[in-house]
PDB file of N, CA and C in Angstrom:
ATOM      1  N   UNK A   1      52.805  50.674  96.943  1.00  0.00           N
ATOM      2  CA  UNK A   1      51.774  50.486  95.854  1.00  0.00           C
ATOM      3  C   UNK A   1      51.352  52.050  95.026  1.00  0.00           C
ATOM      4  N   UNK A   2      50.958  52.509  95.834  1.00  0.00           N
ATOM      5  CA  UNK A   2      50.233  53.894  95.159  1.00  0.00           C
ATOM      6  C   UNK A   2      51.404  54.219  94.262  1.00  0.00           C
ATOM      7  N   UNK A   3      52.679  54.188  93.980  1.00  0.00           N
ATOM      8  CA  UNK A   3      53.564  54.423  93.570  1.00  0.00           C
ATOM      9  C   UNK A   3      53.438  53.869  92.047  1.00  0.00           C
ATOM     10  N   UNK A   4      53.532  52.568  91.732  1.00  0.00           N
ATOM     11  CA  UNK A   4      53.309  51.456  91.160  1.00  0.00           C
ATOM     12  C   UNK A   4      52.127  52.118  90.183  1.00  0.00           C
ATOM     13  N   UNK A   5      50.873  52.164  90.956  1.00  0.00           N
ATOM     14  CA  UNK A   5      50.135  52.626  90.347  1.00  0.00           C
ATOM     15  C   UNK A   5      49.876  53.661  89.804  1.00  0.00           C
ATOM     16  N   UNK A   6      50.557  55.110  90.160  1.00  0.00           N
ATOM     17  CA  UNK A   6      50.782  55.833  89.681  1.00  0.00           C
ATOM     18  C   UNK A   6      51.365  55.630  88.406  1.00  0.00           C
ATOM     19  N   UNK A   7      52.539  55.044  88.464  1.00  0.00           N
ATOM     20  CA  UNK A   7      53.116  54.571  86.792  1.00  0.00           C
ATOM     21  C   UNK A   7      52.589  54.051  86.078  1.00  0.00           C
ATOM     22  N   UNK A   8      51.550  52.890  86.576  1.00  0.00           N
ATOM     23  CA  UNK A   8      50.860  52.160  85.137  1.00  0.00           C
ATOM     24  C   UNK A   8      49.912  53.518  84.659  1.00  0.00           C
ATOM     25  N   UNK A   9      49.052  53.683  85.896  1.00  0.00           N
ATOM     26  CA  UNK A   9      48.233  55.029  84.870  1.00  0.00           C
ATOM     27  C   UNK A   9      48.952  56.047  83.930  1.00  0.00           C
ATOM     28  N   UNK A  10      50.306  56.242  84.762  1.00  0.00           N
ATOM     29  CA  UNK A  10      50.592  57.697  83.379  1.00  0.00           C
ATOM     30  C   UNK A  10      51.130  56.929  82.292  1.00  0.00           C
ATOM     31  N   UNK A  11      51.577  55.992  82.519  1.00  0.00           N
ATOM     32  CA  UNK A  11      51.707  54.877  81.254  1.00  0.00           C
ATOM     33  C   UNK A  11      50.484  54.721  80.089  1.00  0.00           C
ATOM     34  N   UNK A  12      49.519  54.208  81.328  1.00  0.00           N
ATOM     35  CA  UNK A  12      48.538  54.117  80.163  1.00  0.00           C
ATOM     36  C   UNK A  12      48.054  55.522  79.604  1.00  0.00           C
ATOM     37  N   UNK A  13      47.907  56.571  80.082  1.00  0.00           N
ATOM     38  CA  UNK A  13      47.979  58.141  79.672  1.00  0.00           C
ATOM     39  C   UNK A  13      48.790  58.410  78.576  1.00  0.00           C
ATOM     40  N   UNK A  14      49.712  57.771  78.902  1.00  0.00           N
ATOM     41  CA  UNK A  14      50.545  58.457  77.390  1.00  0.00           C
ATOM     42  C   UNK A  14      50.291  57.527  76.099  1.00  0.00           C
ATOM     43  N   UNK A  15      50.128  56.473  76.663  1.00  0.00           N
ATOM     44  CA  UNK A  15      49.508  55.456  75.460  1.00  0.00           C
ATOM     45  C   UNK A  15      48.508  56.000  74.626  1.00  0.00           C
ATOM     46  N   UNK A  16      47.526  56.041  75.689  1.00  0.00           N
ATOM     47  CA  UNK A  16      45.847  56.312  74.892  1.00  0.00           C
ATOM     48  C   UNK A  16      46.179  58.144  74.818  1.00  0.00           C
ATOM     49  N   UNK A  17      46.988  58.967  75.086  1.00  0.00           N
ATOM     50  CA  UNK A  17      47.205  60.322  74.331  1.00  0.00           C
ATOM     51  C   UNK A  17      47.659  60.284  73.141  1.00  0.00           C
ATOM     52  N   UNK A  18      48.505  59.528  72.940  1.00  0.00           N
ATOM     53  CA  UNK A  18      49.459  59.642  71.452  1.00  0.00           C
ATOM     54  C   UNK A  18      48.211  58.612  70.667  1.00  0.00           C
ATOM     55  N   UNK A  19      47.444  58.054  71.214  1.00  0.00           N
ATOM     56  CA  UNK A  19      46.638  57.120  70.206  1.00  0.00           C
ATOM     57  C   UNK A  19      45.464  58.298  69.793  1.00  0.00           C
ATOM     58  N   UNK A  20      45.206  59.311  70.791  1.00  0.00           N
ATOM     59  CA  UNK A  20      44.010  60.104  70.546  1.00  0.00           C
ATOM     60  C   UNK A  20      44.624  61.077  69.490  1.00  0.00           C
ATOM     61  N   UNK A  21      45.605  61.620  69.236  1.00  0.00           N
ATOM     62  CA  UNK A  21      46.580  62.461  68.396  1.00  0.00           C
ATOM     63  C   UNK A  21      46.956  61.699  67.374  1.00  0.00           C
ATOM     64  N   UNK A  22      47.369  60.298  67.159  1.00  0.00           N
ATOM     65  CA  UNK A  22      47.428  59.831  65.738  1.00  0.00           C
ATOM     66  C   UNK A  22      46.010  59.747  65.437  1.00  0.00           C
ATOM     67  N   UNK A  23      44.935  59.092  65.838  1.00  0.00           N
ATOM     68  CA  UNK A  23      43.391  59.208  65.224  1.00  0.00           C
ATOM     69  C   UNK A  23      43.106  60.423  64.620  1.00  0.00           C
ATOM     70  N   UNK A  24      43.005  61.501  65.258  1.00  0.00           N
ATOM     71  CA  UNK A  24      42.868  62.596  65.403  1.00  0.00           C
ATOM     72  C   UNK A  24      43.183  63.010  63.889  1.00  0.00           C
ATOM     73  N   UNK A  25      44.802  63.044  63.733  1.00  0.00           N
ATOM     74  CA  UNK A  25      45.244  63.035  62.764  1.00  0.00           C
ATOM     75  C   UNK A  25      44.381  62.578  61.624  1.00  0.00           C
ATOM     76  N   UNK A  26      44.272  61.007  61.577  1.00  0.00           N
ATOM     77  CA  UNK A  26      44.221  60.464  60.549  1.00  0.00           C
ATOM     78  C   UNK A  26      42.585  60.925  60.175  1.00  0.00           C
ATOM     79  N   UNK A  27      41.266  60.933  61.534  1.00  0.00           N
ATOM     80  CA  UNK A  27      40.114  61.239  60.866  1.00  0.00           C
ATOM     81  C   UNK A  27      40.203  62.560  59.959  1.00  0.00           C
ATOM     82  N   UNK A  28      41.210  63.366  60.395  1.00  0.00           N
ATOM     83  CA  UNK A  28      41.125  64.855  59.542  1.00  0.00           C
ATOM     84  C   UNK A  28      41.701  64.801  58.561  1.00  0.00           C
ATOM     85  N   UNK A  29      42.490  64.181  57.859  1.00  0.00           N
ATOM     86  CA  UNK A  29      43.107  63.570  56.877  1.00  0.00           C
ATOM     87  C   UNK A  29      42.040  62.572  55.571  1.00  0.00           C
ATOM     88  N   UNK A  30      41.448  62.006  56.426  1.00  0.00           N
ATOM     89  CA  UNK A  30      40.348  61.542  55.445  1.00  0.00           C
ATOM     90  C   UNK A  30      39.246  62.089  55.452  1.00  0.00           C
ATOM     91  N   UNK A  31      39.029  63.060  56.222  1.00  0.00           N
ATOM     92  CA  UNK A  31      37.797  63.713  55.985  1.00  0.00           C
ATOM     93  C   UNK A  31      37.955  64.917  54.832  1.00  0.00           C
ATOM     94  N   UNK A  32      39.575  65.694  54.785  1.00  0.00           N
ATOM     95  CA  UNK A  32      39.796  66.203  53.892  1.00  0.00           C
ATOM     96  C   UNK A  32      39.660  65.550  52.362  1.00  0.00           C
ATOM     97  N   UNK A  33      40.152  64.297  52.977  1.00  0.00           N
ATOM     98  CA  UNK A  33      40.222  63.272  51.273  1.00  0.00           C
ATOM     99  C   UNK A  33      38.728  63.154  50.735  1.00  0.00           C
ATOM    100  N   UNK A  34      37.928  62.799  51.522  1.00  0.00           N
ATOM    101  CA  UNK A  34      36.427  62.691  51.367  1.00  0.00           C
ATOM    102  C   UNK A  34      35.982  63.767  50.371  1.00  0.00           C
ATOM    103  N   UNK A  35      35.944  65.006  51.079  1.00  0.00           N
ATOM    104  CA  UNK A  35      36.147  66.077  50.547  1.00  0.00           C
ATOM    105  C   UNK A  35      36.448  66.221  49.142  1.00  0.00           C
ATOM    106  N   UNK A  36      37.604  66.001  48.895  1.00  0.00           N
ATOM    107  CA  UNK A  36      38.444  66.302  47.718  1.00  0.00           C
ATOM    108  C   UNK A  36      37.215  65.493  46.770  1.00  0.00           C
ATOM    109  N   UNK A  37      37.155  64.246  47.293  1.00  0.00           N
ATOM    110  CA  UNK A  37      36.682  62.849  46.351  1.00  0.00           C
ATOM    111  C   UNK A  37      35.355  63.405  45.854  1.00  0.00           C
ATOM    112  N   UNK A  38      34.418  64.148  46.720  1.00  0.00           N
ATOM    113  CA  UNK A  38      33.300  64.342  46.320  1.00  0.00           C
ATOM    114  C   UNK A  38      33.263  65.374  45.662  1.00  0.00           C
ATOM    115  N   UNK A  39      34.072  66.317  45.520  1.00  0.00           N
ATOM    116  CA  UNK A  39      34.384  67.352  44.535  1.00  0.00           C
ATOM    117  C   UNK A  39      34.657  67.004  43.049  1.00  0.00           C
ATOM    118  N   UNK A  40      35.238  65.854  43.292  1.00  0.00           N
ATOM    119  CA  UNK A  40      36.403  65.193  41.739  1.00  0.00           C
ATOM    120  C   UNK A  40      34.954  65.103  41.107  1.00  0.00           C
ATOM    121  N   UNK A  41      34.200  63.736  42.199  1.00  0.00           N
ATOM    122  CA  UNK A  41      33.277  63.493  41.367  1.00  0.00           C
ATOM    123  C   UNK A  41      31.920  64.549  41.005  1.00  0.00           C
ATOM    124  N   UNK A  42      31.965  65.206  41.880  1.00  0.00           N
ATOM    125  CA  UNK A  42      30.880  66.532  40.966  1.00  0.00           C
ATOM    126  C   UNK A  42      31.382  67.060  39.787  1.00  0.00           C
ATOM    127  N   UNK A  43      32.670  67.276  39.497  1.00  0.00           N
ATOM    128  CA  UNK A  43      33.047  68.215  38.268  1.00  0.00           C
ATOM    129  C   UNK A  43      33.011  67.181  37.112  1.00  0.00           C
ATOM    130  N   UNK A  44      33.100  66.083  37.890  1.00  0.00           N
ATOM    131  CA  UNK A  44      32.956  64.250  36.447  1.00  0.00           C
ATOM    132  C   UNK A  44      31.464  64.318  36.185  1.00  0.00           C
ATOM    133  N   UNK A  45      30.620  64.706  37.105  1.00  0.00           N
ATOM    134  CA  UNK A  45      29.128  64.499  36.874  1.00  0.00           C
ATOM    135  C   UNK A  45      29.472  65.620  35.795  1.00  0.00           C
ATOM    136  N   UNK A  46      29.605  66.572  35.941  1.00  0.00           N
ATOM    137  CA  UNK A  46      29.528  67.985  35.282  1.00  0.00           C
ATOM    138  C   UNK A  46      29.666  67.412  33.624  1.00  0.00           C
ATOM    139  N   UNK A  47      30.926  67.156  33.175  1.00  0.00           N
ATOM    140  CA  UNK A  47      31.719  66.565  32.390  1.00  0.00           C
ATOM    141  C   UNK A  47      30.634  65.829  31.094  1.00  0.00           C
ATOM    142  N   UNK A  48      29.895  64.891  31.765  1.00  0.00           N
ATOM    143  CA  UNK A  48      29.225  64.464  31.334  1.00  0.00           C
ATOM    144  C   UNK A  48      29.395  63.884  29.611  1.00  0.00           C
ATOM    145  N   UNK A  49      30.681  62.766  30.007  1.00  0.00           N
ATOM    146  CA  UNK A  49      31.097  62.460  29.050  1.00  0.00           C
ATOM    147  C   UNK A  49      30.330  60.938  29.096  1.00  0.00           C
ATOM    148  N   UNK A  50      30.586  60.259  27.804  1.00  0.00           N
ATOM    149  CA  UNK A  50      29.954  58.809  27.611  1.00  0.00           C
ATOM    150  C   UNK A  50      30.756  58.082  28.455  1.00  0.00           C
ATOM    151  N   UNK A  51      31.839  58.043  27.759  1.00  0.00           N
ATOM    152  CA  UNK A  51      33.000  57.053  28.247  1.00  0.00           C
ATOM    153  C   UNK A  51      33.496  57.451  30.204  1.00  0.00           C
ATOM    154  N   UNK A  52      32.873  58.248  30.550  1.00  0.00           N
ATOM    155  CA  UNK A  52      33.495  58.621  31.599  1.00  0.00           C
ATOM    156  C   UNK A  52      32.830  57.734  32.770  1.00  0.00           C
ATOM    157  N   UNK A  53      31.617  56.673  32.291  1.00  0.00           N
ATOM    158  CA  UNK A  53      30.989  55.774  33.734  1.00  0.00           C
ATOM    159  C   UNK A  53      31.956  55.461  34.331  1.00  0.00           C
ATOM    160  N   UNK A  54      32.839  54.562  33.548  1.00  0.00           N
ATOM    161  CA  UNK A  54      33.887  53.936  34.634  1.00  0.00           C
ATOM    162  C   UNK A  54      34.685  54.504  35.732  1.00  0.00           C
ATOM    163  N   UNK A  55      34.707  55.617  34.982  1.00  0.00           N
ATOM    164  CA  UNK A  55      35.461  56.669  35.914  1.00  0.00           C
ATOM    165  C   UNK A  55      34.768  57.413  37.194  1.00  0.00           C
ATOM    166  N   UNK A  56      33.400  57.674  36.556  1.00  0.00           N
ATOM    167  CA  UNK A  56      32.174  57.663  37.787  1.00  0.00           C
ATOM    168  C   UNK A  56      32.137  56.576  39.092  1.00  0.00           C
ATOM    169  N   UNK A  57      32.463  55.407  38.229  1.00  0.00           N
ATOM    170  CA  UNK A  57      32.237  54.293  39.234  1.00  0.00           C
ATOM    171  C   UNK A  57      33.570  54.383  39.949  1.00  0.00           C
ATOM    172  N   UNK A  58      34.605  54.125  40.092  1.00  0.00           N
ATOM    173  CA  UNK A  58      35.641  54.262  40.521  1.00  0.00           C
ATOM    174  C   UNK A  58      35.538  55.510  41.388  1.00  0.00           C
ATOM    175  N   UNK A  59      35.026  56.434  40.902  1.00  0.00           N
ATOM    176  CA  UNK A  59      35.341  57.397  42.208  1.00  0.00           C
ATOM    177  C   UNK A  59      34.306  57.455  43.361  1.00  0.00           C
ATOM    178  N   UNK A  60      33.124  56.620  42.680  1.00  0.00           N
ATOM    179  CA  UNK A  60      32.083  56.125  43.951  1.00  0.00           C
ATOM    180  C   UNK A  60      32.604  55.553  45.080  1.00  0.00           C
ATOM    181  N   UNK A  61      33.384  54.486  44.360  1.00  0.00           N
ATOM    182  CA  UNK A  61      33.930  53.617  45.057  1.00  0.00           C
ATOM    183  C   UNK A  61      35.345  53.895  46.013  1.00  0.00           C
ATOM    184  N   UNK A  62      35.924  54.865  45.532  1.00  0.00           N
ATOM    185  CA  UNK A  62      36.904  55.501  46.285  1.00  0.00           C
ATOM    186  C   UNK A  62      36.566  56.293  47.593  1.00  0.00           C
ATOM    187  N   UNK A  63      35.415  56.701  47.271  1.00  0.00           N
ATOM    188  CA  UNK A  63      34.196  57.570  48.054  1.00  0.00           C
ATOM    189  C   UNK A  63      34.154  56.271  49.309  1.00  0.00           C
ATOM    190  N   UNK A  64      33.384  55.443  48.790  1.00  0.00           N
ATOM    191  CA  UNK A  64      32.694  54.817  49.493  1.00  0.00           C
ATOM    192  C   UNK A  64      33.924  54.107  51.029  1.00  0.00           C
ATOM    193  N   UNK A  65      35.141  53.613  50.319  1.00  0.00           N
ATOM    194  CA  UNK A  65      36.327  53.326  50.638  1.00  0.00           C
ATOM    195  C   UNK A  65      36.485  53.952  51.955  1.00  0.00           C
ATOM    196  N   UNK A  66      36.998  55.385  51.755  1.00  0.00           N
ATOM    197  CA  UNK A  66      37.244  56.362  52.489  1.00  0.00           C
ATOM    198  C   UNK A  66      36.162  56.729  53.597  1.00  0.00           C
ATOM    199  N   UNK A  67      34.927  56.528  53.314  1.00  0.00           N
ATOM    200  CA  UNK A  67      34.080  56.644  54.178  1.00  0.00           C
ATOM    201  C   UNK A  67      33.885  55.407  55.078  1.00  0.00           C
ATOM    202  N   UNK A  68      34.372  54.385  54.662  1.00  0.00           N
ATOM    203  CA  UNK A  68      34.620  53.494  55.594  1.00  0.00           C
ATOM    204  C   UNK A  68      35.502  52.745  56.105  1.00  0.00           C
ATOM    205  N   UNK A  69      36.730  53.582  55.723  1.00  0.00           N
ATOM    206  CA  UNK A  69      38.104  54.104  56.851  1.00  0.00           C
ATOM    207  C   UNK A  69      37.187  54.965  57.973  1.00  0.00           C
ATOM    208  N   UNK A  70      36.602  55.927  57.725  1.00  0.00           N
ATOM    209  CA  UNK A  70      36.260  57.076  58.813  1.00  0.00           C
ATOM    210  C   UNK A  70      35.438  56.372  59.621  1.00  0.00           C
ATOM    211  N   UNK A  71      34.475  55.206  59.134  1.00  0.00           N
ATOM    212  CA  UNK A  71      33.920  54.504  60.017  1.00  0.00           C
ATOM    213  C   UNK A  71      34.264  53.789  60.940  1.00  0.00           C
ATOM    214  N   UNK A  72      35.697  53.347  60.632  1.00  0.00           N
ATOM    215  CA  UNK A  72      36.394  52.419  61.515  1.00  0.00           C
ATOM    216  C   UNK A  72      37.290  53.023  62.314  1.00  0.00           C
ATOM    217  N   UNK A  73      37.768  54.545  62.042  1.00  0.00           N
ATOM    218  CA  UNK A  73      39.009  55.344  63.278  1.00  0.00           C
ATOM    219  C   UNK A  73      37.736  55.600  64.066  1.00  0.00           C
ATOM    220  N   UNK A  74      36.561  56.304  63.786  1.00  0.00           N
ATOM    221  CA  UNK A  74      36.153  57.145  64.795  1.00  0.00           C
ATOM    222  C   UNK A  74      35.572  56.461  65.752  1.00  0.00           C
ATOM    223  N   UNK A  75      35.120  55.223  65.869  1.00  0.00           N
ATOM    224  CA  UNK A  75      35.024  54.803  67.181  1.00  0.00           C
ATOM    225  C   UNK A  75      36.027  54.240  67.970  1.00  0.00           C
ATOM    226  N   UNK A  76      37.082  54.118  67.531  1.00  0.00           N
ATOM    227  CA  UNK A  76      38.962  53.848  67.879  1.00  0.00           C
ATOM    228  C   UNK A  76      38.750  55.419  68.796  1.00  0.00           C
ATOM    229  N   UNK A  77      38.595  56.533  67.957  1.00  0.00           N
ATOM    230  CA  UNK A  77      39.029  57.851  68.331  1.00  0.00           C
ATOM    231  C   UNK A  77      38.177  58.562  69.862  1.00  0.00           C
ATOM    232  N   UNK A  78      37.089  57.987  69.235  1.00  0.00           N
ATOM    233  CA  UNK A  78      36.172  57.939  70.757  1.00  0.00           C
ATOM    234  C   UNK A  78      36.484  57.044  71.697  1.00  0.00           C
ATOM    235  N   UNK A  79      36.522  56.144  71.614  1.00  0.00           N
ATOM    236  CA  UNK A  79      37.322  55.348  73.048  1.00  0.00           C
ATOM    237  C   UNK A  79      38.598  55.653  73.769  1.00  0.00           C
ATOM    238  N   UNK A  80      39.356  55.816  72.494  1.00  0.00           N
ATOM    239  CA  UNK A  80      40.762  56.328  73.200  1.00  0.00           C
ATOM    240  C   UNK A  80      40.490  57.874  74.025  1.00  0.00           C
ATOM    241  N   UNK A  81      39.521  58.311  73.230  1.00  0.00           N
ATOM    242  CA  UNK A  81      39.141  59.704  73.978  1.00  0.00           C
ATOM    243  C   UNK A  81      38.504  60.028  75.568  1.00  0.00           C
ATOM    244  N   UNK A  82      37.393  58.727  75.266  1.00  0.00           N
ATOM    245  CA  UNK A  82      37.057  58.840  76.408  1.00  0.00           C
ATOM    246  C   UNK A  82      37.948  58.258  77.502  1.00  0.00           C
ATOM    247  N   UNK A  83      38.799  56.980  77.147  1.00  0.00           N
ATOM    248  CA  UNK A  83      39.789  56.777  78.152  1.00  0.00           C
ATOM    249  C   UNK A  83      41.147  57.791  78.600  1.00  0.00           C
ATOM    250  N   UNK A  84      41.094  58.754  77.833  1.00  0.00           N
ATOM    251  CA  UNK A  84      42.397  59.761  78.353  1.00  0.00           C
ATOM    252  C   UNK A  84      41.474  60.402  79.017  1.00  0.00           C
ATOM    253  N   UNK A  85      39.924  60.996  79.347  1.00  0.00           N
ATOM    254  CA  UNK A  85      39.582  62.028  80.065  1.00  0.00           C
ATOM    255  C   UNK A  85      38.899  61.195  81.395  1.00  0.00           C
ATOM    256  N   UNK A  86      39.343  59.958  81.134  1.00  0.00           N
ATOM    257  CA  UNK A  86      39.173  59.155  82.693  1.00  0.00           C
ATOM    258  C   UNK A  86      40.542  58.862  83.245  1.00  0.00           C
ATOM    259  N   UNK A  87      41.628  58.888  82.644  1.00  0.00           N
ATOM    260  CA  UNK A  87      42.583  58.373  83.104  1.00  0.00           C
ATOM    261  C   UNK A  87      43.154  60.490  83.789  1.00  0.00           C
ATOM    262  N   UNK A  88      42.604  61.330  82.871  1.00  0.00           N
ATOM    263  CA  UNK A  88      43.021  63.065  83.780  1.00  0.00           C
ATOM    264  C   UNK A  88      42.006  63.161  84.707  1.00  0.00           C
ATOM    265  N   UNK A  89      41.207  62.307  84.720  1.00  0.00           N
ATOM    266  CA  UNK A  89      40.474  62.568  86.235  1.00  0.00           C
ATOM    267  C   UNK A  89      40.419  62.171  87.515  1.00  0.00           C
ATOM    268  N   UNK A  90      41.181  60.373  87.195  1.00  0.00           N
ATOM    269  CA  UNK A  90      41.440  59.881  87.950  1.00  0.00           C
ATOM    270  C   UNK A  90      42.867  60.324  88.261  1.00  0.00           C
ATOM    271  N   UNK A  91      44.002  60.951  87.719  1.00  0.00           N
ATOM    272  CA  UNK A  91      44.893  61.421  88.336  1.00  0.00           C
ATOM    273  C   UNK A  91      44.862  62.583  88.765  1.00  0.00           C
ATOM    274  N   UNK A  92      43.815  63.131  88.413  1.00  0.00           N
ATOM    275  CA  UNK A  92      43.619  65.222  88.798  1.00  0.00           C
ATOM    276  C   UNK A  92      43.995  64.695  90.213  1.00  0.00           C
ATOM    277  N   UNK A  93      44.930  66.343  90.205  1.00  0.00           N
ATOM    278  CA  UNK A  93      45.259  66.766  91.524  1.00  0.00           C
ATOM    279  C   UNK A  93      47.358  66.608  91.668  1.00  0.00           C
ATOM    280  N   UNK A  94      47.627  65.488  90.631  1.00  0.00           N
ATOM    281  CA  UNK A  94      48.968  64.613  90.701  1.00  0.00           C
ATOM    282  C   UNK A  94      49.783  64.750  89.258  1.00  0.00           C
ATOM    283  N   UNK A  95      49.523  66.451  88.469  1.00  0.00           N
ATOM    284  CA  UNK A  95      49.776  66.697  87.651  1.00  0.00           C
ATOM    285  C   UNK A  95      51.626  67.051  87.527  1.00  0.00           C
ATOM    286  N   UNK A  96      51.543  67.091  88.711  1.00  0.00           N
ATOM    287  CA  UNK A  96      53.347  67.087  89.067  1.00  0.00           C
ATOM    288  C   UNK A  96      54.219  65.811  88.950  1.00  0.00           C
ATOM    289  N   UNK A  97      53.288  64.934  89.005  1.00  0.00           N
ATOM    290  CA  UNK A  97      54.298  63.620  88.504  1.00  0.00           C
ATOM    291  C   UNK A  97      54.853  63.856  86.679  1.00  0.00           C
ATOM    292  N   UNK A  98      53.897  64.470  86.194  1.00  0.00           N
ATOM    293  CA  UNK A  98      54.814  64.507  84.615  1.00  0.00           C
ATOM    294  C   UNK A  98      53.793  65.767  83.861  1.00  0.00           C
ATOM    295  N   UNK A  99      54.506  67.033  84.260  1.00  0.00           N
ATOM    296  CA  UNK A  99      53.516  67.907  83.658  1.00  0.00           C
ATOM    297  C   UNK A  99      53.049  68.514  82.479  1.00  0.00           C
ATOM    298  N   UNK A 100      54.287  67.616  81.893  1.00  0.00           N
ATOM    299  CA  UNK A 100      54.470  67.634  80.169  1.00  0.00           C
ATOM    300  C   UNK A 100      53.553  66.678  79.430  1.00  0.00           C
ATOM    301  N   UNK A 101      53.289  65.644  80.327  1.00  0.00           N
ATOM    302  CA  UNK A 101      52.318  64.402  79.509  1.00  0.00           C
ATOM    303  C   UNK A 101      50.958  64.905  80.181  1.00  0.00           C
ATOM    304  N   UNK A 102      50.394  65.795  81.142  1.00  0.00           N
ATOM    305  CA  UNK A 102      49.479  66.319  81.176  1.00  0.00           C
ATOM    306  C   UNK A 102      48.991  67.471  79.813  1.00  0.00           C
ATOM    307  N   UNK A 103      50.240  68.185  79.613  1.00  0.00           N
ATOM    308  CA  UNK A 103      49.629  69.013  79.313  1.00  0.00           C
ATOM    309  C   UNK A 103      49.065  68.604  77.181  1.00  0.00           C
ATOM    310  N   UNK A 104      50.053  67.470  77.083  1.00  0.00           N
ATOM    311  CA  UNK A 104      50.131  67.020  75.973  1.00  0.00           C
ATOM    312  C   UNK A 104      48.547  66.332  75.632  1.00  0.00           C
ATOM    313  N   UNK A 105      48.477  65.413  76.980  1.00  0.00           N
ATOM    314  CA  UNK A 105      46.849  64.740  77.078  1.00  0.00           C
ATOM    315  C   UNK A 105      46.171  66.042  76.764  1.00  0.00           C
ATOM    316  N   UNK A 106      45.508  66.919  77.547  1.00  0.00           N
ATOM    317  CA  UNK A 106      45.036  68.005  76.947  1.00  0.00           C
ATOM    318  C   UNK A 106      44.915  68.690  75.825  1.00  0.00           C
ATOM    319  N   UNK A 107      46.284  69.075  75.302  1.00  0.00           N
ATOM    320  CA  UNK A 107      46.334  69.379  73.886  1.00  0.00           C
ATOM    321  C   UNK A 107      45.333  68.236  73.418  1.00  0.00           C
ATOM    322  N   UNK A 108      45.973  66.829  72.957  1.00  0.00           N
ATOM    323  CA  UNK A 108      45.290  65.972  72.406  1.00  0.00           C
ATOM    324  C   UNK A 108      44.139  65.892  72.534  1.00  0.00           C
ATOM    325  N   UNK A 109      43.020  66.067  73.601  1.00  0.00           N
ATOM    326  CA  UNK A 109      41.959  65.925  73.985  1.00  0.00           C
ATOM    327  C   UNK A 109      41.296  67.721  72.867  1.00  0.00           C
ATOM    328  N   UNK A 110      42.109  68.580  72.923  1.00  0.00           N
ATOM    329  CA  UNK A 110      41.127  69.427  72.092  1.00  0.00           C
ATOM    330  C   UNK A 110      41.374  69.094  70.615  1.00  0.00           C
ATOM    331  N   UNK A 111      42.688  68.304  70.077  1.00  0.00           N
ATOM    332  CA  UNK A 111      42.667  68.259  69.169  1.00  0.00           C
ATOM    333  C   UNK A 111      41.660  67.498  68.042  1.00  0.00           C
ATOM    334  N   UNK A 112      40.883  66.567  69.158  1.00  0.00           N
ATOM    335  CA  UNK A 112      40.131  65.453  68.876  1.00  0.00           C
ATOM    336  C   UNK A 112      39.134  65.536  69.148  1.00  0.00           C
ATOM    337  N   UNK A 113      38.873  66.792  70.102  1.00  0.00           N
ATOM    338  CA  UNK A 113      37.400  67.447  70.531  1.00  0.00           C
ATOM    339  C   UNK A 113      35.910  67.456  68.938  1.00  0.00           C
ATOM    340  N   UNK A 114      36.708  68.112  68.239  1.00  0.00           N
ATOM    341  CA  UNK A 114      36.200  67.888  66.962  1.00  0.00           C
ATOM    342  C   UNK A 114      35.457  67.090  66.369  1.00  0.00           C
ATOM    343  N   UNK A 115      36.492  66.367  66.463  1.00  0.00           N
ATOM    344  CA  UNK A 115      36.118  64.972  65.345  1.00  0.00           C
ATOM    345  C   UNK A 115      35.277  64.088  66.457  1.00  0.00           C
ATOM    346  N   UNK A 116      35.359  63.886  67.690  1.00  0.00           N
ATOM    347  CA  UNK A 116      34.249  63.375  68.246  1.00  0.00           C
ATOM    348  C   UNK A 116      33.171  63.469  68.780  1.00  0.00           C
ATOM    349  N   UNK A 117      33.095  64.896  68.504  1.00  0.00           N
ATOM    350  CA  UNK A 117      31.638  65.381  68.482  1.00  0.00           C
ATOM    351  C   UNK A 117      30.838  65.803  67.478  1.00  0.00           C
ATOM    352  N   UNK A 118      31.494  65.291  66.353  1.00  0.00           N
ATOM    353  CA  UNK A 118      31.013  64.968  65.368  1.00  0.00           C
ATOM    354  C   UNK A 118      29.689  64.057  65.000  1.00  0.00           C
ATOM    355  N   UNK A 119      28.895  63.718  63.786  1.00  0.00           N
ATOM    356  CA  UNK A 119      27.899  63.041  63.622  1.00  0.00           C
ATOM    357  C   UNK A 119      28.222  61.822  63.619  1.00  0.00           C
TER     358      UNK A 119
END
């Protein structure tokens, strides 16, 4: 029975670790996009053209949409991150079952660490 439990835990670790990696990359992408959109908005404001008002509105809307996506992704990243940490703790001492998976899971936690600990 312990064998089946190990297999199920390893499968969950693989799934959640992959989710952490994917979500961390998504957060990274959207943070870069948000930074670029904000920079572009500042440049547009500095131009001060009258016909620019609709462009400014569209830019603000794009920023709001990106912030909304980040607000959706971050909690899912934190949840998967905590799940991977919990699974690794539960499987402590059994790394020989799948050394590559454990290595990847730890690397994915490191990748996501900066995004999980942000405000």
